[in-house]
Amino acid sequence: MLRGATKVTLDDKGRMVLPTRYREQIAELGQGHLVVTVDRDQCLLIYPLPEWEQTERKLMSLPSLNPQARRLQRLMVGYATDLELDGHGRVLLPPELREFARLERHGMLIGQGNRFELWDEARWSERRDQWLKSEEAAGDLPSELDSLKL
């Protein structure tokens, strides 16, 4: 289970060191192989290879004549890029994906169960604060979510 929020730094070549606490899991789940792609929220999604393969199968089984399904396929599968952890626990993020997510030097790696989200740190803070404010403004949560209030 990939969980937690961790500040990360990208070096001048666009490499990110995967936090030590995740490396063993990634080695077990995908032998150090990851897949990175884009997300609608302008962050990057990073999957262990087996998790990505399941997601890709689901995406490709969507009806290609449906415009929303087609957009998801184009973006998520079209931008999907294989990554491999090097001997120092780093992955090289492609320039076009860093540009898409506006990633510069400081990022936030957010565990989401079967994948990570990688955000530019300033954008993450801004969006997180927006989400928290909108939740306060929204008022009551559905009863199923009531016990999960922040």
C-alpha atoms as a PDB file:
ATOM      1  CA  MET A   1       0.000   0.000   0.000  1.00  0.00           C
ATOM      2  CA  LEU A   2       1.505   3.298  -1.137  1.00  0.00           C
ATOM      3  CA  ARG A   3       0.484   6.006   1.310  1.00  0.00           C
ATOM      4  CA  GLY A   4       1.734   9.228   2.805  1.00  0.00           C
ATOM      5  CA  ALA A   5       2.893  12.619   1.579  1.00  0.00           C
ATOM      6  CA  THR A   6       6.618  13.173   1.076  1.00  0.00           C
ATOM      7  CA  LYS A   7       8.576  16.169  -0.161  1.00  0.00           C
ATOM      8  CA  VAL A   8      10.951  15.216  -2.969  1.00  0.00           C
ATOM      9  CA  THR A   9      13.575  17.069  -4.972  1.00  0.00           C
ATOM     10  CA  LEU A  10      14.336  16.766  -8.670  1.00  0.00           C
ATOM     11  CA  ASP A  11      17.913  17.236  -9.762  1.00  0.00           C
ATOM     12  CA  ASP A  12      19.048  19.202 -12.830  1.00  0.00           C
ATOM     13  CA  LYS A  13      18.583  16.143 -15.061  1.00  0.00           C
ATOM     14  CA  GLY A  14      14.993  15.572 -13.884  1.00  0.00           C
ATOM     15  CA  ARG A  15      15.775  12.622 -11.648  1.00  0.00           C
ATOM     16  CA  MET A  16      13.773  12.062  -8.488  1.00  0.00           C
ATOM     17  CA  VAL A  17      14.933   9.904  -5.605  1.00  0.00           C
ATOM     18  CA  LEU A  18      12.151   7.568  -4.530  1.00  0.00           C
ATOM     19  CA  PRO A  19      11.895   7.734  -0.744  1.00  0.00           C
ATOM     20  CA  THR A  20      13.577   4.775   0.943  1.00  0.00           C
ATOM     21  CA  ARG A  21      10.373   3.614   2.635  1.00  0.00           C
ATOM     22  CA  TYR A  22       8.832   2.799  -0.780  1.00  0.00           C
ATOM     23  CA  ARG A  23      11.789   1.182  -2.523  1.00  0.00           C
ATOM     24  CA  GLU A  24      11.303  -2.312  -1.093  1.00  0.00           C
ATOM     25  CA  GLN A  25       7.615  -2.310  -2.028  1.00  0.00           C
ATOM     26  CA  ILE A  26       8.406  -1.161  -5.568  1.00  0.00           C
ATOM     27  CA  ALA A  27      11.112  -3.816  -5.866  1.00  0.00           C
ATOM     28  CA  GLU A  28       8.620  -6.486  -4.744  1.00  0.00           C
ATOM     29  CA  LEU A  29       5.662  -5.254  -6.780  1.00  0.00           C
ATOM     30  CA  GLY A  30       7.376  -4.504 -10.051  1.00  0.00           C
ATOM     31  CA  GLN A  31      11.056  -5.454  -9.771  1.00  0.00           C
ATOM     32  CA  GLY A  32      11.891  -1.726  -9.740  1.00  0.00           C
ATOM     33  CA  HIS A  33       9.809  -0.997 -12.846  1.00  0.00           C
ATOM     34  CA  LEU A  34       7.357   1.890 -12.774  1.00  0.00           C
ATOM     35  CA  VAL A  35       5.142   3.653 -15.288  1.00  0.00           C
ATOM     36  CA  VAL A  36       4.512   7.402 -15.189  1.00  0.00           C
ATOM     37  CA  THR A  37       1.698   9.176 -17.018  1.00  0.00           C
ATOM     38  CA  VAL A  38      -0.350  12.368 -16.865  1.00  0.00           C
ATOM     39  CA  ASP A  39      -3.444  13.097 -14.812  1.00  0.00           C
ATOM     40  CA  ARG A  40      -6.326  15.481 -15.467  1.00  0.00           C
ATOM     41  CA  ASP A  41      -5.319  17.531 -12.406  1.00  0.00           C
ATOM     42  CA  GLN A  42      -1.970  18.351 -14.076  1.00  0.00           C
ATOM     43  CA  CYS A  43       0.079  16.126 -11.840  1.00  0.00           C
ATOM     44  CA  LEU A  44       1.846  12.900 -12.744  1.00  0.00           C
ATOM     45  CA  LEU A  45       0.670   9.417 -11.809  1.00  0.00           C
ATOM     46  CA  ILE A  46       3.365   6.861 -11.014  1.00  0.00           C
ATOM     47  CA  TYR A  47       2.371   3.199 -10.929  1.00  0.00           C
ATOM     48  CA  PRO A  48       4.324   0.040 -10.108  1.00  0.00           C
ATOM     49  CA  LEU A  49       4.344  -1.845 -13.434  1.00  0.00           C
ATOM     50  CA  PRO A  50       1.798  -4.576 -12.453  1.00  0.00           C
ATOM     51  CA  GLU A  51      -0.667  -1.939 -11.197  1.00  0.00           C
ATOM     52  CA  TRP A  52      -0.272   0.060 -14.403  1.00  0.00           C
ATOM     53  CA  GLU A  53      -0.885  -3.031 -16.524  1.00  0.00           C
ATOM     54  CA  GLN A  54      -4.240  -3.561 -14.773  1.00  0.00           C
ATOM     55  CA  THR A  55      -5.156   0.104 -15.213  1.00  0.00           C
ATOM     56  CA  GLU A  56      -4.122   0.062 -18.865  1.00  0.00           C
ATOM     57  CA  ARG A  57      -6.276  -3.017 -19.544  1.00  0.00           C
ATOM     58  CA  LYS A  58      -9.277  -1.239 -17.988  1.00  0.00           C
ATOM     59  CA  LEU A  59      -8.613   1.914 -20.004  1.00  0.00           C
ATOM     60  CA  MET A  60      -8.266   0.018 -23.264  1.00  0.00           C
ATOM     61  CA  SER A  61     -11.448  -1.966 -22.622  1.00  0.00           C
ATOM     62  CA  LEU A  62     -13.482   1.266 -22.522  1.00  0.00           C
ATOM     63  CA  PRO A  63     -15.570   1.942 -25.637  1.00  0.00           C
ATOM     64  CA  SER A  64     -13.324   3.901 -27.992  1.00  0.00           C
ATOM     65  CA  LEU A  65     -16.322   5.627 -29.575  1.00  0.00           C
ATOM     66  CA  ASN A  66     -17.116   7.316 -26.258  1.00  0.00           C
ATOM     67  CA  PRO A  67     -15.413  10.750 -26.368  1.00  0.00           C
ATOM     68  CA  GLN A  68     -14.545  10.779 -22.644  1.00  0.00           C
ATOM     69  CA  ALA A  69     -13.082   7.269 -22.783  1.00  0.00           C
ATOM     70  CA  ARG A  70     -11.110   8.200 -25.892  1.00  0.00           C
ATOM     71  CA  ARG A  71      -9.642  11.288 -24.164  1.00  0.00           C
ATOM     72  CA  LEU A  72      -8.588   9.212 -21.161  1.00  0.00           C
ATOM     73  CA  GLN A  73      -6.981   6.621 -23.426  1.00  0.00           C
ATOM     74  CA  ARG A  74      -5.152   9.282 -25.431  1.00  0.00           C
ATOM     75  CA  LEU A  75      -3.816  11.046 -22.379  1.00  0.00           C
ATOM     76  CA  MET A  76      -3.092   8.247 -19.947  1.00  0.00           C
ATOM     77  CA  VAL A  77      -1.905   5.567 -22.359  1.00  0.00           C
ATOM     78  CA  GLY A  78      -0.457   8.018 -24.848  1.00  0.00           C
ATOM     79  CA  TYR A  79       1.818   9.614 -22.255  1.00  0.00           C
ATOM     80  CA  ALA A  80       2.615   6.419 -20.346  1.00  0.00           C
ATOM     81  CA  THR A  81       6.383   6.055 -19.997  1.00  0.00           C
ATOM     82  CA  ASP A  82       8.348   3.187 -18.495  1.00  0.00           C
ATOM     83  CA  LEU A  83      10.724   4.098 -15.673  1.00  0.00           C
ATOM     84  CA  GLU A  84      13.296   2.009 -13.874  1.00  0.00           C
ATOM     85  CA  LEU A  85      14.795   2.627 -10.463  1.00  0.00           C
ATOM     86  CA  ASP A  86      18.553   3.008 -10.780  1.00  0.00           C
ATOM     87  CA  GLY A  87      21.065   1.757  -8.206  1.00  0.00           C
ATOM     88  CA  HIS A  88      20.588   4.942  -6.162  1.00  0.00           C
ATOM     89  CA  GLY A  89      16.783   4.661  -6.007  1.00  0.00           C
ATOM     90  CA  ARG A  90      16.234   7.380  -8.626  1.00  0.00           C
ATOM     91  CA  VAL A  91      13.917   7.591 -11.616  1.00  0.00           C
ATOM     92  CA  LEU A  92      14.418   9.891 -14.589  1.00  0.00           C
ATOM     93  CA  LEU A  93      11.224  11.780 -15.375  1.00  0.00           C
ATOM     94  CA  PRO A  94      10.882  12.699 -19.066  1.00  0.00           C
ATOM     95  CA  PRO A  95      11.054  16.449 -19.833  1.00  0.00           C
ATOM     96  CA  GLU A  96       7.624  16.541 -21.521  1.00  0.00           C
ATOM     97  CA  LEU A  97       5.978  15.032 -18.436  1.00  0.00           C
ATOM     98  CA  ARG A  98       7.817  17.409 -16.083  1.00  0.00           C
ATOM     99  CA  GLU A  99       6.625  20.266 -18.272  1.00  0.00           C
ATOM    100  CA  PHE A 100       3.029  18.978 -18.255  1.00  0.00           C
ATOM    101  CA  ALA A 101       2.993  18.885 -14.427  1.00  0.00           C
ATOM    102  CA  ARG A 102       5.013  22.118 -14.152  1.00  0.00           C
ATOM    103  CA  LEU A 103       7.548  20.250 -12.056  1.00  0.00           C
ATOM    104  CA  GLU A 104      10.701  22.147 -11.350  1.00  0.00           C
ATOM    105  CA  ARG A 105      12.880  21.420  -8.332  1.00  0.00           C
ATOM    106  CA  HIS A 106      10.529  20.734  -5.397  1.00  0.00           C
ATOM    107  CA  GLY A 107       7.735  18.209  -5.553  1.00  0.00           C
ATOM    108  CA  MET A 108       5.260  16.351  -3.370  1.00  0.00           C
ATOM    109  CA  LEU A 109       4.870  12.605  -3.750  1.00  0.00           C
ATOM    110  CA  ILE A 110       1.397  11.592  -2.570  1.00  0.00           C
ATOM    111  CA  GLY A 111       0.651   7.899  -1.990  1.00  0.00           C
ATOM    112  CA  GLN A 112      -2.728   6.830  -3.350  1.00  0.00           C
ATOM    113  CA  GLY A 113      -2.867   3.135  -2.501  1.00  0.00           C
ATOM    114  CA  ASN A 114      -1.829   1.502  -5.766  1.00  0.00           C
ATOM    115  CA  ARG A 115      -0.017   4.530  -7.225  1.00  0.00           C
ATOM    116  CA  PHE A 116       1.614   7.864  -6.448  1.00  0.00           C
ATOM    117  CA  GLU A 117       0.665  11.343  -7.530  1.00  0.00           C
ATOM    118  CA  LEU A 118       3.631  13.658  -8.136  1.00  0.00           C
ATOM    119  CA  TRP A 119       2.885  17.363  -7.846  1.00  0.00           C
ATOM    120  CA  ASP A 120       4.921  20.534  -7.983  1.00  0.00           C
ATOM    121  CA  GLU A 121       5.135  21.419  -4.272  1.00  0.00           C
ATOM    122  CA  ALA A 122       3.674  24.940  -4.581  1.00  0.00           C
ATOM    123  CA  ARG A 123       0.792  23.740  -6.787  1.00  0.00           C
ATOM    124  CA  TRP A 124       0.069  20.882  -4.377  1.00  0.00           C
ATOM    125  CA  SER A 125      -0.187  23.279  -1.434  1.00  0.00           C
ATOM    126  CA  GLU A 126      -2.434  25.617  -3.392  1.00  0.00           C
ATOM    127  CA  ARG A 127      -4.772  22.845  -4.595  1.00  0.00           C
ATOM    128  CA  ARG A 128      -4.868  21.137  -1.178  1.00  0.00           C
ATOM    129  CA  ASP A 129      -5.928  24.412   0.431  1.00  0.00           C
ATOM    130  CA  GLN A 130      -8.613  24.908  -2.255  1.00  0.00           C
ATOM    131  CA  TRP A 131      -9.987  21.421  -1.648  1.00  0.00           C
ATOM    132  CA  LEU A 132     -10.108  21.960   2.100  1.00  0.00           C
ATOM    133  CA  LYS A 133     -11.936  25.286   1.689  1.00  0.00           C
ATOM    134  CA  SER A 134     -14.417  23.834  -0.789  1.00  0.00           C
ATOM    135  CA  GLU A 135     -15.145  20.964   1.594  1.00  0.00           C
ATOM    136  CA  GLU A 136     -15.898  23.439   4.386  1.00  0.00           C
ATOM    137  CA  ALA A 137     -18.168  25.412   2.058  1.00  0.00           C
ATOM    138  CA  ALA A 138     -19.937  22.276   0.831  1.00  0.00           C
ATOM    139  CA  GLY A 139     -21.285  21.599   4.311  1.00  0.00           C
ATOM    140  CA  ASP A 140     -22.591  18.150   5.092  1.00  0.00           C
ATOM    141  CA  LEU A 141     -21.019  15.060   3.624  1.00  0.00           C
ATOM    142  CA  PRO A 142     -23.082  12.085   2.489  1.00  0.00           C
ATOM    143  CA  SER A 143     -23.681   9.728   5.401  1.00  0.00           C
ATOM    144  CA  GLU A 144     -21.244   7.156   3.954  1.00  0.00           C
ATOM    145  CA  LEU A 145     -18.419   9.700   4.238  1.00  0.00           C
ATOM    146  CA  ASP A 146     -19.428  11.352   7.494  1.00  0.00           C
ATOM    147  CA  SER A 147     -16.850   9.472   9.579  1.00  0.00           C
ATOM    148  CA  LEU A 148     -14.079  10.629   7.193  1.00  0.00           C
ATOM    149  CA  LYS A 149     -14.433  14.382   7.730  1.00  0.00           C
ATOM    150  CA  LEU A 150     -11.137  16.255   7.951  1.00  0.00           C
END
